């Protein structure tokens, strides 16, 4: 049985997040989880107790740009305020370099365009529309 505890930072304090899914084995984990989550586990999972070699047993799963960015596209469609956009933008600034590094086999040139766009100064709602336009092209 595999039970995951994830440590993350919130307000500069480390927190432990208890992942609420139990996996019978590696095959069960691969069947239940999104490919992008499995890939993040492979590279960023910290083992507190148990098989320290577990991340090495997790295969890297290839996925399409659409699969990779589906959650971000859906999130972008739900943004209705400047405050929501600021949170979204902060996430994009953090995640895009990781995606470009981890998924270098994909053409993620639109993510580079989004990075540049996020550094420009103009109205948040206009910026959001341009980000959405770039995201749907995957």
Protein backbone atom coordinates (compact mmCIF):
# COMPACT_ATOMS: atom_id res chain seq x y z
CA UNK A 1 0.00 0.00 0.00
CA UNK A 2 1.26 3.45 -0.90
CA UNK A 3 0.09 6.48 1.10
CA UNK A 4 1.46 9.85 0.07
CA UNK A 5 2.20 12.80 2.31
CA UNK A 6 3.21 15.92 0.43
CA UNK A 7 5.17 18.78 1.98
CA UNK A 8 4.50 22.19 0.48
CA UNK A 9 5.21 25.78 1.36
CA UNK A 10 2.43 28.18 2.26
CA UNK A 11 3.24 31.67 3.49
CA UNK A 12 6.89 30.60 3.77
CA UNK A 13 5.96 27.84 6.26
CA UNK A 14 6.28 24.17 5.42
CA UNK A 15 3.03 22.24 5.64
CA UNK A 16 2.26 18.56 5.25
CA UNK A 17 -0.52 17.70 2.87
CA UNK A 18 -1.96 14.23 3.26
CA UNK A 19 -2.80 12.89 -0.16
CA UNK A 20 -6.20 11.27 0.25
CA UNK A 21 -5.76 8.43 -2.22
CA UNK A 22 -4.27 5.11 -1.27
CA UNK A 23 -2.65 3.02 -3.95
CA UNK A 24 -2.37 -0.75 -3.76
CA UNK A 25 0.83 -0.66 -5.80
CA UNK A 26 2.64 1.28 -8.51
CA UNK A 27 0.28 0.03 -11.23
CA UNK A 28 -2.71 1.27 -9.23
CA UNK A 29 -1.06 4.70 -8.84
CA UNK A 30 -0.38 4.89 -12.59
CA UNK A 31 -3.98 3.97 -13.37
CA UNK A 32 -5.58 6.49 -10.96
CA UNK A 33 -3.40 9.60 -11.32
CA UNK A 34 -3.06 12.17 -14.07
CA UNK A 35 0.10 11.71 -16.09
CA UNK A 36 1.39 15.15 -15.12
CA UNK A 37 0.92 14.35 -11.41
CA UNK A 38 2.82 11.07 -11.84
CA UNK A 39 5.68 12.91 -13.55
CA UNK A 40 5.81 15.45 -10.72
CA UNK A 41 5.93 12.62 -8.21
CA UNK A 42 8.87 11.11 -10.07
CA UNK A 43 10.96 14.27 -9.84
CA UNK A 44 9.73 16.03 -6.72
CA UNK A 45 8.50 13.35 -4.31
CA UNK A 46 10.29 13.21 -0.96
CA UNK A 47 10.08 9.89 0.87
CA UNK A 48 9.73 10.30 4.63
CA UNK A 49 9.25 6.63 5.45
CA UNK A 50 9.50 3.52 3.32
CA UNK A 51 11.21 2.70 0.05
CA UNK A 52 13.57 5.63 -0.64
CA UNK A 53 14.03 4.26 -4.17
CA UNK A 54 10.30 4.57 -4.98
CA UNK A 55 10.60 7.70 -7.21
CA UNK A 56 13.08 5.80 -9.41
CA UNK A 57 10.44 3.11 -9.99
CA UNK A 58 7.94 5.63 -11.34
CA UNK A 59 8.12 5.80 -15.15
CA UNK A 60 8.16 9.14 -16.94
CA UNK A 61 4.88 9.36 -18.87
CA UNK A 62 4.80 11.21 -22.19
CA UNK A 63 1.78 13.38 -22.73
CA UNK A 64 0.50 15.92 -25.20
CA UNK A 65 0.51 19.67 -24.66
CA UNK A 66 -3.27 19.55 -24.38
CA UNK A 67 -3.12 16.91 -21.62
CA UNK A 68 -0.39 18.82 -19.82
CA UNK A 69 -2.20 22.16 -19.83
CA UNK A 70 -5.84 21.07 -19.51
CA UNK A 71 -6.10 22.10 -15.84
CA UNK A 72 -4.56 25.50 -16.53
CA UNK A 73 -6.91 26.08 -19.47
CA UNK A 74 -9.94 25.20 -17.34
CA UNK A 75 -8.72 27.46 -14.52
CA UNK A 76 -8.24 30.37 -16.91
CA UNK A 77 -11.87 30.07 -18.04
CA UNK A 78 -13.12 30.52 -14.45
CA UNK A 79 -11.23 33.74 -13.60
CA UNK A 80 -13.59 36.66 -12.98
CA UNK A 81 -11.57 39.22 -10.97
CA UNK A 82 -8.20 40.90 -10.71
CA UNK A 83 -7.51 39.05 -7.44
CA UNK A 84 -8.18 35.69 -9.08
CA UNK A 85 -5.96 36.67 -12.01
CA UNK A 86 -3.10 37.65 -9.69
CA UNK A 87 -3.16 34.18 -8.12
CA UNK A 88 -3.28 32.58 -11.58
CA UNK A 89 -0.44 34.76 -12.85
CA UNK A 90 1.71 33.97 -9.82
CA UNK A 91 1.18 30.26 -10.45
CA UNK A 92 2.05 30.58 -14.15
CA UNK A 93 5.25 32.47 -13.39
CA UNK A 94 6.27 29.64 -11.07
CA UNK A 95 5.16 26.63 -13.15
CA UNK A 96 6.11 27.62 -16.71
CA UNK A 97 9.90 27.24 -16.23
CA UNK A 98 9.32 23.78 -14.71
CA UNK A 99 7.07 22.73 -17.58
CA UNK A 100 9.59 23.98 -20.15
CA UNK A 101 12.31 21.96 -18.45
CA UNK A 102 10.36 18.76 -17.75
CA UNK A 103 8.54 18.59 -21.09
CA UNK A 104 11.23 19.70 -23.50
CA UNK A 105 10.00 17.14 -26.05
CA UNK A 106 6.82 19.23 -26.53
CA UNK A 107 6.52 22.44 -28.52
CA UNK A 108 5.71 24.79 -25.66
CA UNK A 109 6.67 27.99 -27.46
CA UNK A 110 3.30 29.49 -26.50
CA UNK A 111 4.32 29.17 -22.85
CA UNK A 112 7.36 31.32 -23.61
CA UNK A 113 5.03 33.87 -25.19
CA UNK A 114 2.85 33.76 -22.07
CA UNK A 115 5.94 34.38 -19.90
CA UNK A 116 6.76 37.51 -21.89
CA UNK A 117 3.15 38.64 -21.82
CA UNK A 118 2.94 38.31 -18.04
CA UNK A 119 5.86 40.73 -17.66
CA UNK A 120 4.08 43.46 -19.62
CA UNK A 121 1.99 46.11 -17.90
CA UNK A 122 -1.60 46.46 -19.05
CA UNK A 123 -5.09 45.66 -17.77
CA UNK A 124 -5.44 42.23 -16.15
CA UNK A 125 -8.55 41.31 -18.14
CA UNK A 126 -6.82 42.06 -21.46
CA UNK A 127 -3.80 40.08 -20.32
CA UNK A 128 -6.06 37.17 -19.34
CA UNK A 129 -7.71 37.14 -22.77
CA UNK A 130 -4.32 37.01 -24.49
CA UNK A 131 -3.18 34.18 -22.16
CA UNK A 132 -6.37 32.23 -22.95
CA UNK A 133 -5.80 32.72 -26.68
CA UNK A 134 -2.29 31.29 -26.36
CA UNK A 135 -3.39 28.37 -24.17
CA UNK A 136 -6.11 27.13 -26.52
CA UNK A 137 -3.56 26.72 -29.32
CA UNK A 138 -2.09 23.60 -27.71
